[in-house]
PDB file of N, CA and C in Angstrom:
ATOM      1  N   MET A   1     -26.488 188.419 142.954  1.00  0.00           N
ATOM      2  CA  MET A   1     -26.915 189.798 142.904  1.00  0.00           C
ATOM      3  C   MET A   1     -28.343 189.835 142.384  1.00  0.00           C
ATOM      4  N   ASN A   2     -29.118 190.746 142.866  1.00  0.00           N
ATOM      5  CA  ASN A   2     -30.516 190.836 142.464  1.00  0.00           C
ATOM      6  C   ASN A   2     -30.690 191.405 141.065  1.00  0.00           C
ATOM      7  N   LEU A   3     -29.797 192.302 140.666  1.00  0.00           N
ATOM      8  CA  LEU A   3     -29.849 192.920 139.351  1.00  0.00           C
ATOM      9  C   LEU A   3     -28.606 192.557 138.567  1.00  0.00           C
ATOM     10  N   GLN A   4     -28.713 192.679 137.234  1.00  0.00           N
ATOM     11  CA  GLN A   4     -27.537 192.453 136.408  1.00  0.00           C
ATOM     12  C   GLN A   4     -26.569 193.609 136.627  1.00  0.00           C
ATOM     13  N   VAL A   5     -25.326 193.280 136.951  1.00  0.00           N
ATOM     14  CA  VAL A   5     -24.325 194.273 137.312  1.00  0.00           C
ATOM     15  C   VAL A   5     -23.144 194.159 136.354  1.00  0.00           C
ATOM     16  N   CYS A   6     -22.586 195.292 135.994  1.00  0.00           N
ATOM     17  CA  CYS A   6     -21.389 195.319 135.161  1.00  0.00           C
ATOM     18  C   CYS A   6     -20.169 195.374 136.093  1.00  0.00           C
ATOM     19  N   VAL A   7     -19.488 194.247 136.257  1.00  0.00           N
ATOM     20  CA  VAL A   7     -18.345 194.147 137.158  1.00  0.00           C
ATOM     21  C   VAL A   7     -17.083 194.521 136.391  1.00  0.00           C
ATOM     22  N   ASN A   8     -16.340 195.517 136.897  1.00  0.00           N
ATOM     23  CA  ASN A   8     -15.118 195.981 136.238  1.00  0.00           C
ATOM     24  C   ASN A   8     -13.874 195.232 136.699  1.00  0.00           C
ATOM     25  N   CYS A   9     -13.746 195.050 138.012  1.00  0.00           N
ATOM     26  CA  CYS A   9     -12.559 194.361 138.515  1.00  0.00           C
ATOM     27  C   CYS A   9     -12.836 193.752 139.881  1.00  0.00           C
ATOM     28  N   VAL A  10     -11.966 192.813 140.248  1.00  0.00           N
ATOM     29  CA  VAL A  10     -12.016 192.134 141.535  1.00  0.00           C
ATOM     30  C   VAL A  10     -10.647 192.319 142.175  1.00  0.00           C
ATOM     31  N   ALA A  11     -10.625 192.710 143.441  1.00  0.00           N
ATOM     32  CA  ALA A  11      -9.362 192.871 144.164  1.00  0.00           C
ATOM     33  C   ALA A  11      -9.318 191.838 145.288  1.00  0.00           C
ATOM     34  N   ILE A  12      -8.190 191.148 145.401  1.00  0.00           N
ATOM     35  CA  ILE A  12      -8.015 190.089 146.392  1.00  0.00           C
ATOM     36  C   ILE A  12      -6.798 190.426 147.245  1.00  0.00           C
ATOM     37  N   ASN A  13      -6.956 190.327 148.558  1.00  0.00           N
ATOM     38  CA  ASN A  13      -5.861 190.595 149.477  1.00  0.00           C
ATOM     39  C   ASN A  13      -5.318 189.270 150.006  1.00  0.00           C
ATOM     40  N   CYS A  14      -4.101 188.933 149.625  1.00  0.00           N
ATOM     41  CA  CYS A  14      -3.419 187.713 150.069  1.00  0.00           C
ATOM     42  C   CYS A  14      -2.020 188.080 150.541  1.00  0.00           C
ATOM     43  N   ASN A  15      -1.472 187.280 151.450  1.00  0.00           N
ATOM     44  CA  ASN A  15      -0.139 187.548 151.958  1.00  0.00           C
ATOM     45  C   ASN A  15       0.642 186.243 152.045  1.00  0.00           C
ATOM     46  N   PHE A  16       1.566 186.042 151.111  1.00  0.00           N
ATOM     47  CA  PHE A  16       2.334 184.802 151.054  1.00  0.00           C
ATOM     48  C   PHE A  16       3.296 184.671 152.233  1.00  0.00           C
ATOM     49  N   ARG A  17       3.849 185.774 152.705  1.00  0.00           N
ATOM     50  CA  ARG A  17       4.831 185.721 153.801  1.00  0.00           C
ATOM     51  C   ARG A  17       4.229 185.166 155.093  1.00  0.00           C
ATOM     52  N   GLN A  18       2.978 185.510 155.363  1.00  0.00           N
ATOM     53  CA  GLN A  18       2.349 185.038 156.597  1.00  0.00           C
ATOM     54  C   GLN A  18       1.628 183.703 156.422  1.00  0.00           C
ATOM     55  N   ASP A  19       1.052 183.468 155.255  1.00  0.00           N
ATOM     56  CA  ASP A  19       0.204 182.299 155.066  1.00  0.00           C
ATOM     57  C   ASP A  19       0.885 181.116 154.383  1.00  0.00           C
ATOM     58  N   GLU A  20       1.943 181.354 153.650  1.00  0.00           N
ATOM     59  CA  GLU A  20       2.719 180.344 152.929  1.00  0.00           C
ATOM     60  C   GLU A  20       1.836 179.374 152.146  1.00  0.00           C
ATOM     61  N   SER A  21       1.683 178.151 152.584  1.00  0.00           N
ATOM     62  CA  SER A  21       0.979 177.135 151.790  1.00  0.00           C
ATOM     63  C   SER A  21      -0.527 177.383 151.716  1.00  0.00           C
ATOM     64  N   TYR A  22      -1.045 178.278 152.524  1.00  0.00           N
ATOM     65  CA  TYR A  22      -2.470 178.602 152.479  1.00  0.00           C
ATOM     66  C   TYR A  22      -2.799 179.657 151.419  1.00  0.00           C
ATOM     67  N   THR A  23      -1.806 180.215 150.777  1.00  0.00           N
ATOM     68  CA  THR A  23      -2.005 181.279 149.802  1.00  0.00           C
ATOM     69  C   THR A  23      -2.408 180.700 148.446  1.00  0.00           C
ATOM     70  N   PRO A  24      -3.480 181.212 147.826  1.00  0.00           N
ATOM     71  CA  PRO A  24      -3.889 180.716 146.510  1.00  0.00           C
ATOM     72  C   PRO A  24      -2.845 181.026 145.438  1.00  0.00           C
ATOM     73  N   SER A  25      -2.646 180.079 144.532  1.00  0.00           N
ATOM     74  CA  SER A  25      -1.726 180.317 143.421  1.00  0.00           C
ATOM     75  C   SER A  25      -2.441 180.311 142.073  1.00  0.00           C
ATOM     76  N   LEU A  26      -3.591 179.646 141.969  1.00  0.00           N
ATOM     77  CA  LEU A  26      -4.348 179.601 140.721  1.00  0.00           C
ATOM     78  C   LEU A  26      -5.816 179.865 141.041  1.00  0.00           C
ATOM     79  N   ILE A  27      -6.372 180.928 140.445  1.00  0.00           N
ATOM     80  CA  ILE A  27      -7.743 181.347 140.714  1.00  0.00           C
ATOM     81  C   ILE A  27      -8.518 181.399 139.404  1.00  0.00           C
ATOM     82  N   SER A  28      -9.734 180.887 139.429  1.00  0.00           N
ATOM     83  CA  SER A  28     -10.624 180.924 138.279  1.00  0.00           C
ATOM     84  C   SER A  28     -11.795 181.846 138.591  1.00  0.00           C
ATOM     85  N   ILE A  29     -12.136 182.716 137.644  1.00  0.00           N
ATOM     86  CA  ILE A  29     -13.278 183.614 137.811  1.00  0.00           C
ATOM     87  C   ILE A  29     -14.340 183.212 136.803  1.00  0.00           C
ATOM     88  N   ARG A  30     -15.540 182.961 137.330  1.00  0.00           N
ATOM     89  CA  ARG A  30     -16.652 182.485 136.504  1.00  0.00           C
ATOM     90  C   ARG A  30     -17.835 183.426 136.679  1.00  0.00           C
ATOM     91  N   THR A  31     -18.562 183.688 135.593  1.00  0.00           N
ATOM     92  CA  THR A  31     -19.744 184.554 135.641  1.00  0.00           C
ATOM     93  C   THR A  31     -20.892 183.877 134.911  1.00  0.00           C
ATOM     94  N   GLY A  32     -22.110 184.337 135.218  1.00  0.00           N
ATOM     95  CA  GLY A  32     -23.291 183.803 134.556  1.00  0.00           C
ATOM     96  C   GLY A  32     -24.549 184.444 135.096  1.00  0.00           C
ATOM     97  N   THR A  33     -25.693 183.878 134.710  1.00  0.00           N
ATOM     98  CA  THR A  33     -26.968 184.393 135.187  1.00  0.00           C
ATOM     99  C   THR A  33     -27.395 183.741 136.492  1.00  0.00           C
ATOM    100  N   HIS A  34     -26.958 182.499 136.728  1.00  0.00           N
ATOM    101  CA  HIS A  34     -27.201 181.816 137.995  1.00  0.00           C
ATOM    102  C   HIS A  34     -26.125 180.758 138.190  1.00  0.00           C
ATOM    103  N   LEU A  35     -26.154 180.050 139.291  1.00  0.00           N
ATOM    104  CA  LEU A  35     -25.068 179.120 139.624  1.00  0.00           C
ATOM    105  C   LEU A  35     -24.955 177.930 138.677  1.00  0.00           C
ATOM    106  N   ASN A  36     -26.026 177.614 137.937  1.00  0.00           N
ATOM    107  CA  ASN A  36     -25.993 176.436 137.059  1.00  0.00           C
ATOM    108  C   ASN A  36     -25.425 176.709 135.676  1.00  0.00           C
ATOM    109  N   ASP A  37     -25.218 177.956 135.305  1.00  0.00           N
ATOM    110  CA  ASP A  37     -24.686 178.247 133.966  1.00  0.00           C
ATOM    111  C   ASP A  37     -23.415 179.109 133.998  1.00  0.00           C
ATOM    112  N   LEU A  38     -22.637 178.994 135.052  1.00  0.00           N
ATOM    113  CA  LEU A  38     -21.402 179.782 135.154  1.00  0.00           C
ATOM    114  C   LEU A  38     -20.395 179.344 134.102  1.00  0.00           C
ATOM    115  N   GLN A  39     -19.739 180.318 133.483  1.00  0.00           N
ATOM    116  CA  GLN A  39     -18.703 180.040 132.495  1.00  0.00           C
ATOM    117  C   GLN A  39     -17.426 180.734 132.926  1.00  0.00           C
ATOM    118  N   GLU A  40     -16.322 180.035 132.775  1.00  0.00           N
ATOM    119  CA  GLU A  40     -15.033 180.604 133.163  1.00  0.00           C
ATOM    120  C   GLU A  40     -14.626 181.671 132.159  1.00  0.00           C
ATOM    121  N   ILE A  41     -14.351 182.866 132.674  1.00  0.00           N
ATOM    122  CA  ILE A  41     -13.936 183.959 131.792  1.00  0.00           C
ATOM    123  C   ILE A  41     -12.459 184.286 131.947  1.00  0.00           C
ATOM    124  N   LEU A  42     -11.870 183.877 133.072  1.00  0.00           N
ATOM    125  CA  LEU A  42     -10.489 184.244 133.336  1.00  0.00           C
ATOM    126  C   LEU A  42      -9.863 183.266 134.318  1.00  0.00           C
ATOM    127  N   LYS A  43      -8.598 182.944 134.078  1.00  0.00           N
ATOM    128  CA  LYS A  43      -7.819 182.123 135.001  1.00  0.00           C
ATOM    129  C   LYS A  43      -6.553 182.901 135.325  1.00  0.00           C
ATOM    130  N   ILE A  44      -6.296 183.110 136.624  1.00  0.00           N
ATOM    131  CA  ILE A  44      -5.182 183.940 137.071  1.00  0.00           C
ATOM    132  C   ILE A  44      -4.179 183.082 137.819  1.00  0.00           C
ATOM    133  N   ASP A  45      -2.902 183.262 137.496  1.00  0.00           N
ATOM    134  CA  ASP A  45      -1.819 182.584 138.202  1.00  0.00           C
ATOM    135  C   ASP A  45      -1.118 183.608 139.084  1.00  0.00           C
ATOM    136  N   LEU A  46      -1.203 183.431 140.409  1.00  0.00           N
ATOM    137  CA  LEU A  46      -0.577 184.343 141.368  1.00  0.00           C
ATOM    138  C   LEU A  46       0.741 183.739 141.839  1.00  0.00           C
ATOM    139  N   ASP A  47       1.804 184.516 141.748  1.00  0.00           N
ATOM    140  CA  ASP A  47       3.121 184.037 142.166  1.00  0.00           C
ATOM    141  C   ASP A  47       3.541 184.770 143.436  1.00  0.00           C
ATOM    142  N   GLN A  48       3.387 184.123 144.567  1.00  0.00           N
ATOM    143  CA  GLN A  48       3.730 184.665 145.885  1.00  0.00           C
ATOM    144  C   GLN A  48       3.171 186.080 146.080  1.00  0.00           C
ATOM    145  N   PRO A  49       1.843 186.213 146.090  1.00  0.00           N
ATOM    146  CA  PRO A  49       1.236 187.547 146.212  1.00  0.00           C
ATOM    147  C   PRO A  49       1.421 188.134 147.601  1.00  0.00           C
ATOM    148  N   GLY A  50       1.537 189.445 147.650  1.00  0.00           N
ATOM    149  CA  GLY A  50       1.619 190.175 148.913  1.00  0.00           C
ATOM    150  C   GLY A  50       0.806 191.443 148.803  1.00  0.00           C
ATOM    151  N   GLY A  51      -0.277 191.556 149.549  1.00  0.00           N
ATOM    152  CA  GLY A  51      -1.123 192.736 149.487  1.00  0.00           C
ATOM    153  C   GLY A  51      -2.254 192.564 148.489  1.00  0.00           C
ATOM    154  N   TRP A  52      -2.722 193.697 147.974  1.00  0.00           N
ATOM    155  CA  TRP A  52      -3.867 193.689 147.069  1.00  0.00           C
ATOM    156  C   TRP A  52      -3.447 193.302 145.657  1.00  0.00           C
ATOM    157  N   ASN A  53      -4.172 192.374 145.055  1.00  0.00           N
ATOM    158  CA  ASN A  53      -3.987 191.961 143.666  1.00  0.00           C
ATOM    159  C   ASN A  53      -5.270 192.301 142.913  1.00  0.00           C
ATOM    160  N   THR A  54      -5.177 193.198 141.949  1.00  0.00           N
ATOM    161  CA  THR A  54      -6.346 193.642 141.196  1.00  0.00           C
ATOM    162  C   THR A  54      -6.437 192.856 139.899  1.00  0.00           C
ATOM    163  N   ILE A  55      -7.618 192.296 139.650  1.00  0.00           N
ATOM    164  CA  ILE A  55      -7.876 191.507 138.450  1.00  0.00           C
ATOM    165  C   ILE A  55      -8.934 192.245 137.647  1.00  0.00           C
ATOM    166  N   TYR A  56      -8.562 192.747 136.463  1.00  0.00           N
ATOM    167  CA  TYR A  56      -9.490 193.490 135.612  1.00  0.00           C
ATOM    168  C   TYR A  56     -10.296 192.521 134.771  1.00  0.00           C
ATOM    169  N   LEU A  57     -11.613 192.712 134.753  1.00  0.00           N
ATOM    170  CA  LEU A  57     -12.506 191.845 133.990  1.00  0.00           C
ATOM    171  C   LEU A  57     -13.016 192.526 132.732  1.00  0.00           C
ATOM    172  N   ARG A  58     -12.397 193.610 132.361  1.00  0.00           N
ATOM    173  CA  ARG A  58     -12.856 194.371 131.200  1.00  0.00           C
ATOM    174  C   ARG A  58     -12.484 193.651 129.924  1.00  0.00           C
ATOM    175  N   GLN A  59     -13.365 193.775 128.941  1.00  0.00           N
ATOM    176  CA  GLN A  59     -13.148 193.133 127.651  1.00  0.00           C
ATOM    177  C   GLN A  59     -12.557 194.137 126.682  1.00  0.00           C
ATOM    178  N   GLY A  60     -11.625 193.704 125.869  1.00  0.00           N
ATOM    179  CA  GLY A  60     -10.998 194.576 124.889  1.00  0.00           C
ATOM    180  C   GLY A  60      -9.598 194.977 125.311  1.00  0.00           C
ATOM    181  N   SER A  61      -8.865 195.580 124.396  1.00  0.00           N
ATOM    182  CA  SER A  61      -7.477 195.935 124.665  1.00  0.00           C
ATOM    183  C   SER A  61      -7.341 197.293 125.355  1.00  0.00           C
ATOM    184  N   ASP A  62      -8.292 198.201 125.127  1.00  0.00           N
ATOM    185  CA  ASP A  62      -8.228 199.525 125.735  1.00  0.00           C
ATOM    186  C   ASP A  62      -8.980 199.501 127.062  1.00  0.00           C
ATOM    187  N   LEU A  63      -8.255 199.469 128.195  1.00  0.00           N
ATOM    188  CA  LEU A  63      -8.884 199.344 129.507  1.00  0.00           C
ATOM    189  C   LEU A  63      -9.689 200.566 129.902  1.00  0.00           C
ATOM    190  N   GLU A  64      -9.358 201.747 129.364  1.00  0.00           N
ATOM    191  CA  GLU A  64     -10.080 202.961 129.734  1.00  0.00           C
ATOM    192  C   GLU A  64     -11.481 202.992 129.128  1.00  0.00           C
ATOM    193  N   ARG A  65     -11.620 202.541 127.899  1.00  0.00           N
ATOM    194  CA  ARG A  65     -12.894 202.643 127.198  1.00  0.00           C
ATOM    195  C   ARG A  65     -13.715 201.358 127.241  1.00  0.00           C
ATOM    196  N   SER A  66     -13.099 200.253 127.560  1.00  0.00           N
ATOM    197  CA  SER A  66     -13.815 198.984 127.513  1.00  0.00           C
ATOM    198  C   SER A  66     -14.739 198.833 128.709  1.00  0.00           C
ATOM    199  N   ARG A  67     -15.738 198.035 128.526  1.00  0.00           N
ATOM    200  CA  ARG A  67     -16.768 197.787 129.526  1.00  0.00           C
ATOM    201  C   ARG A  67     -16.419 196.558 130.332  1.00  0.00           C
ATOM    202  N   GLY A  68     -17.001 196.441 131.503  1.00  0.00           N
ATOM    203  CA  GLY A  68     -16.798 195.267 132.339  1.00  0.00           C
ATOM    204  C   GLY A  68     -17.655 194.105 131.862  1.00  0.00           C
ATOM    205  N   VAL A  69     -17.806 193.116 132.716  1.00  0.00           N
ATOM    206  CA  VAL A  69     -18.577 191.920 132.400  1.00  0.00           C
ATOM    207  C   VAL A  69     -19.939 192.030 133.077  1.00  0.00           C
ATOM    208  N   ASP A  70     -21.012 191.886 132.292  1.00  0.00           N
ATOM    209  CA  ASP A  70     -22.368 191.905 132.843  1.00  0.00           C
ATOM    210  C   ASP A  70     -22.716 190.531 133.386  1.00  0.00           C
ATOM    211  N   CYS A  71     -23.187 190.480 134.647  1.00  0.00           N
ATOM    212  CA  CYS A  71     -23.508 189.174 135.235  1.00  0.00           C
ATOM    213  C   CYS A  71     -24.474 189.327 136.399  1.00  0.00           C
ATOM    214  N   PHE A  72     -25.143 188.242 136.721  1.00  0.00           N
ATOM    215  CA  PHE A  72     -25.962 188.145 137.915  1.00  0.00           C
ATOM    216  C   PHE A  72     -25.195 187.407 139.012  1.00  0.00           C
ATOM    217  N   SER A  73     -24.358 186.448 138.617  1.00  0.00           N
ATOM    218  CA  SER A  73     -23.584 185.655 139.572  1.00  0.00           C
ATOM    219  C   SER A  73     -22.110 185.740 139.220  1.00  0.00           C
ATOM    220  N   LEU A  74     -21.292 185.845 140.250  1.00  0.00           N
ATOM    221  CA  LEU A  74     -19.839 185.888 140.093  1.00  0.00           C
ATOM    222  C   LEU A  74     -19.245 184.876 141.061  1.00  0.00           C
ATOM    223  N   GLN A  75     -18.428 183.979 140.550  1.00  0.00           N
ATOM    224  CA  GLN A  75     -17.799 182.966 141.396  1.00  0.00           C
ATOM    225  C   GLN A  75     -16.291 183.068 141.272  1.00  0.00           C
ATOM    226  N   LEU A  76     -15.644 183.098 142.407  1.00  0.00           N
ATOM    227  CA  LEU A  76     -14.188 183.113 142.461  1.00  0.00           C
ATOM    228  C   LEU A  76     -13.764 181.767 143.043  1.00  0.00           C
ATOM    229  N   ALA A  77     -13.176 180.911 142.219  1.00  0.00           N
ATOM    230  CA  ALA A  77     -12.815 179.556 142.647  1.00  0.00           C
ATOM    231  C   ALA A  77     -11.301 179.447 142.777  1.00  0.00           C
ATOM    232  N   ILE A  78     -10.855 178.957 143.920  1.00  0.00           N
ATOM    233  CA  ILE A  78      -9.425 178.732 144.142  1.00  0.00           C
ATOM    234  C   ILE A  78      -9.108 177.312 143.681  1.00  0.00           C
ATOM    235  N   ILE A  79      -8.337 177.210 142.611  1.00  0.00           N
ATOM    236  CA  ILE A  79      -8.030 175.925 142.005  1.00  0.00           C
ATOM    237  C   ILE A  79      -6.834 175.262 142.684  1.00  0.00           C
ATOM    238  N   GLN A  80      -5.837 176.073 143.022  1.00  0.00           N
ATOM    239  CA  GLN A  80      -4.595 175.510 143.558  1.00  0.00           C
ATOM    240  C   GLN A  80      -3.966 176.482 144.545  1.00  0.00           C
ATOM    241  N   ASN A  81      -3.312 175.944 145.564  1.00  0.00           N
ATOM    242  CA  ASN A  81      -2.580 176.739 146.548  1.00  0.00           C
ATOM    243  C   ASN A  81      -1.081 176.568 146.348  1.00  0.00           C
ATOM    244  N   HIS A  82      -0.302 177.491 146.921  1.00  0.00           N
ATOM    245  CA  HIS A  82       1.148 177.348 146.911  1.00  0.00           C
ATOM    246  C   HIS A  82       1.534 176.126 147.741  1.00  0.00           C
ATOM    247  N   LEU A  83       2.551 175.426 147.351  1.00  0.00           N
ATOM    248  CA  LEU A  83       3.079 174.260 148.060  1.00  0.00           C
ATOM    249  C   LEU A  83       2.003 173.204 148.321  1.00  0.00           C
ATOM    250  N   ASN A  84       1.000 173.133 147.462  1.00  0.00           N
ATOM    251  CA  ASN A  84      -0.094 172.156 147.545  1.00  0.00           C
ATOM    252  C   ASN A  84      -0.786 172.149 148.904  1.00  0.00           C
ATOM    253  N   GLY A  85      -1.046 173.312 149.463  1.00  0.00           N
ATOM    254  CA  GLY A  85      -1.738 173.421 150.743  1.00  0.00           C
ATOM    255  C   GLY A  85      -3.191 172.982 150.639  1.00  0.00           C
ATOM    256  N   ARG A  86      -3.778 172.588 151.768  1.00  0.00           N
ATOM    257  CA  ARG A  86      -5.151 172.087 151.785  1.00  0.00           C
ATOM    258  C   ARG A  86      -6.183 173.192 151.878  1.00  0.00           C
ATOM    259  N   ASP A  87      -5.968 174.148 152.760  1.00  0.00           N
ATOM    260  CA  ASP A  87      -6.923 175.230 152.974  1.00  0.00           C
ATOM    261  C   ASP A  87      -6.403 176.514 152.325  1.00  0.00           C
ATOM    262  N   SER A  88      -7.282 177.511 152.224  1.00  0.00           N
ATOM    263  CA  SER A  88      -6.895 178.781 151.605  1.00  0.00           C
ATOM    264  C   SER A  88      -7.181 179.942 152.547  1.00  0.00           C
ATOM    265  N   HIS A  89      -6.313 180.937 152.487  1.00  0.00           N
ATOM    266  CA  HIS A  89      -6.518 182.178 153.234  1.00  0.00           C
ATOM    267  C   HIS A  89      -6.603 183.327 152.240  1.00  0.00           C
ATOM    268  N   VAL A  90      -7.791 183.881 152.102  1.00  0.00           N
ATOM    269  CA  VAL A  90      -7.992 185.122 151.365  1.00  0.00           C
ATOM    270  C   VAL A  90      -8.404 186.132 152.411  1.00  0.00           C
ATOM    271  N   ARG A  91      -7.556 187.094 152.669  1.00  0.00           N
ATOM    272  CA  ARG A  91      -7.789 188.022 153.774  1.00  0.00           C
ATOM    273  C   ARG A  91      -8.963 188.960 153.517  1.00  0.00           C
ATOM    274  N   GLN A  92      -9.122 189.392 152.292  1.00  0.00           N
ATOM    275  CA  GLN A  92     -10.217 190.297 151.955  1.00  0.00           C
ATOM    276  C   GLN A  92     -10.436 190.264 150.454  1.00  0.00           C
ATOM    277  N   MET A  93     -11.671 190.535 150.035  1.00  0.00           N
ATOM    278  CA  MET A  93     -11.986 190.560 148.619  1.00  0.00           C
ATOM    279  C   MET A  93     -12.939 191.729 148.362  1.00  0.00           C
ATOM    280  N   ARG A  94     -12.696 192.454 147.270  1.00  0.00           N
ATOM    281  CA  ARG A  94     -13.554 193.574 146.883  1.00  0.00           C
ATOM    282  C   ARG A  94     -13.967 193.387 145.439  1.00  0.00           C
ATOM    283  N   ILE A  95     -15.237 193.671 145.168  1.00  0.00           N
ATOM    284  CA  ILE A  95     -15.771 193.593 143.813  1.00  0.00           C
ATOM    285  C   ILE A  95     -16.164 195.005 143.411  1.00  0.00           C
ATOM    286  N   PHE A  96     -15.615 195.498 142.296  1.00  0.00           N
ATOM    287  CA  PHE A  96     -15.858 196.867 141.855  1.00  0.00           C
ATOM    288  C   PHE A  96     -16.759 196.873 140.622  1.00  0.00           C
ATOM    289  N   SER A  97     -17.755 197.748 140.689  1.00  0.00           N
ATOM    290  CA  SER A  97     -18.694 197.913 139.595  1.00  0.00           C
ATOM    291  C   SER A  97     -18.851 199.405 139.330  1.00  0.00           C
ATOM    292  N   SER A  98     -19.157 199.740 138.099  1.00  0.00           N
ATOM    293  CA  SER A  98     -19.358 201.156 137.782  1.00  0.00           C
ATOM    294  C   SER A  98     -20.756 201.577 138.207  1.00  0.00           C
ATOM    295  N   ARG A  99     -20.877 202.837 138.585  1.00  0.00           N
ATOM    296  CA  ARG A  99     -22.191 203.363 138.950  1.00  0.00           C
ATOM    297  C   ARG A  99     -23.037 203.522 137.699  1.00  0.00           C
ATOM    298  N   GLY A 100     -24.349 203.548 137.907  1.00  0.00           N
ATOM    299  CA  GLY A 100     -25.268 203.713 136.783  1.00  0.00           C
ATOM    300  C   GLY A 100     -25.133 205.082 136.146  1.00  0.00           C
ATOM    301  N   GLN A 101     -25.534 205.188 134.912  1.00  0.00           N
ATOM    302  CA  GLN A 101     -25.480 206.455 134.189  1.00  0.00           C
ATOM    303  C   GLN A 101     -26.586 207.384 134.686  1.00  0.00           C
ATOM    304  N   ALA A 102     -26.324 208.690 134.696  1.00  0.00           N
ATOM    305  CA  ALA A 102     -27.346 209.670 135.040  1.00  0.00           C
ATOM    306  C   ALA A 102     -28.260 209.850 133.835  1.00  0.00           C
ATOM    307  N   HIS A 103     -29.551 210.039 134.063  1.00  0.00           N
ATOM    308  CA  HIS A 103     -30.469 210.264 132.955  1.00  0.00           C
ATOM    309  C   HIS A 103     -31.316 211.496 133.230  1.00  0.00           C
ATOM    310  N   PHE A 104     -31.887 212.036 132.184  1.00  0.00           N
ATOM    311  CA  PHE A 104     -32.635 213.297 132.256  1.00  0.00           C
ATOM    312  C   PHE A 104     -34.118 212.988 132.197  1.00  0.00           C
ATOM    313  N   ASP A 105     -34.880 213.467 133.183  1.00  0.00           N
ATOM    314  CA  ASP A 105     -36.326 213.274 133.226  1.00  0.00           C
ATOM    315  C   ASP A 105     -36.977 214.429 132.467  1.00  0.00           C
ATOM    316  N   ILE A 106     -37.678 214.117 131.377  1.00  0.00           N
ATOM    317  CA  ILE A 106     -38.240 215.143 130.504  1.00  0.00           C
ATOM    318  C   ILE A 106     -39.370 215.905 131.191  1.00  0.00           C
ATOM    319  N   GLU A 107     -40.237 215.212 131.931  1.00  0.00           N
ATOM    320  CA  GLU A 107     -41.401 215.858 132.541  1.00  0.00           C
ATOM    321  C   GLU A 107     -41.007 216.874 133.615  1.00  0.00           C
ATOM    322  N   SER A 108     -40.101 216.502 134.488  1.00  0.00           N
ATOM    323  CA  SER A 108     -39.738 217.421 135.579  1.00  0.00           C
ATOM    324  C   SER A 108     -38.553 218.314 135.233  1.00  0.00           C
ATOM    325  N   GLY A 109     -37.792 217.956 134.206  1.00  0.00           N
ATOM    326  CA  GLY A 109     -36.638 218.746 133.820  1.00  0.00           C
ATOM    327  C   GLY A 109     -35.445 218.575 134.747  1.00  0.00           C
ATOM    328  N   LEU A 110     -35.449 217.516 135.557  1.00  0.00           N
ATOM    329  CA  LEU A 110     -34.358 217.278 136.488  1.00  0.00           C
ATOM    330  C   LEU A 110     -33.448 216.162 136.000  1.00  0.00           C
ATOM    331  N   GLN A 111     -32.205 216.291 136.332  1.00  0.00           N
ATOM    332  CA  GLN A 111     -31.262 215.225 136.021  1.00  0.00           C
ATOM    333  C   GLN A 111     -31.237 214.273 137.218  1.00  0.00           C
ATOM    334  N   LEU A 112     -31.594 213.041 136.981  1.00  0.00           N
ATOM    335  CA  LEU A 112     -31.681 212.044 138.042  1.00  0.00           C
ATOM    336  C   LEU A 112     -30.485 211.110 137.970  1.00  0.00           C
ATOM    337  N   ALA A 113     -29.918 210.825 139.115  1.00  0.00           N
ATOM    338  CA  ALA A 113     -28.793 209.891 139.166  1.00  0.00           C
ATOM    339  C   ALA A 113     -29.344 208.490 139.361  1.00  0.00           C
ATOM    340  N   ARG A 114     -28.965 207.593 138.494  1.00  0.00           N
ATOM    341  CA  ARG A 114     -29.361 206.205 138.600  1.00  0.00           C
ATOM    342  C   ARG A 114     -28.246 205.449 139.281  1.00  0.00           C
ATOM    343  N   ASP A 115     -28.360 205.241 140.553  1.00  0.00           N
ATOM    344  CA  ASP A 115     -27.288 204.645 141.340  1.00  0.00           C
ATOM    345  C   ASP A 115     -27.617 203.185 141.624  1.00  0.00           C
ATOM    346  N   SER A 116     -26.791 202.295 141.107  1.00  0.00           N
ATOM    347  CA  SER A 116     -27.024 200.867 141.321  1.00  0.00           C
ATOM    348  C   SER A 116     -25.988 200.280 142.266  1.00  0.00           C
ATOM    349  N   SER A 117     -25.276 201.138 142.984  1.00  0.00           N
ATOM    350  CA  SER A 117     -24.210 200.626 143.848  1.00  0.00           C
ATOM    351  C   SER A 117     -24.810 200.127 145.157  1.00  0.00           C
ATOM    352  N   SER A 118     -24.285 199.032 145.619  1.00  0.00           N
ATOM    353  CA  SER A 118     -24.674 198.498 146.913  1.00  0.00           C
ATOM    354  C   SER A 118     -23.455 197.797 147.492  1.00  0.00           C
ATOM    355  N   SER A 119     -23.511 197.507 148.765  1.00  0.00           N
ATOM    356  CA  SER A 119     -22.365 196.851 149.365  1.00  0.00           C
ATOM    357  C   SER A 119     -22.835 195.691 150.220  1.00  0.00           C
ATOM    358  N   CYS A 120     -21.961 194.735 150.396  1.00  0.00           N
ATOM    359  CA  CYS A 120     -22.250 193.615 151.264  1.00  0.00           C
ATOM    360  C   CYS A 120     -20.946 193.162 151.895  1.00  0.00           C
ATOM    361  N   VAL A 121     -21.058 192.481 153.001  1.00  0.00           N
ATOM    362  CA  VAL A 121     -19.881 192.001 153.719  1.00  0.00           C
ATOM    363  C   VAL A 121     -19.843 190.493 153.597  1.00  0.00           C
ATOM    364  N   LEU A 122     -18.722 189.967 153.124  1.00  0.00           N
ATOM    365  CA  LEU A 122     -18.545 188.519 153.026  1.00  0.00           C
ATOM    366  C   LEU A 122     -17.802 188.028 154.258  1.00  0.00           C
ATOM    367  N   ARG A 123     -18.303 187.022 154.900  1.00  0.00           N
ATOM    368  CA  ARG A 123     -17.655 186.468 156.088  1.00  0.00           C
ATOM    369  C   ARG A 123     -17.265 185.036 155.857  1.00  0.00           C
TER     370      ARG A 123
END
């Protein structure tokens, strides 16, 4: 990402019924400023997932008030598949970030929206 982004959650679409051994069972999420300093922040164990699996990256016990993880790089690494499969099938992945806060411009007296949202397609 070009700017530092506060990532709240990652959603992964997997289907064990159709993919069987190609379905990920252990996923590691790593964040950092660039690819050389990524640190693992979360390890998820998926047990026969079907449909969307949402992984919250928020810090703290209160999910409503806690903030996401600030990062420039986000890596989702598949450590292990079900039934020790060789390849992996992740049907779709979404990364959710909060929009920027609105701020007030003193000179013009207008409330400006600071929007840092962007989208990209992973193939």
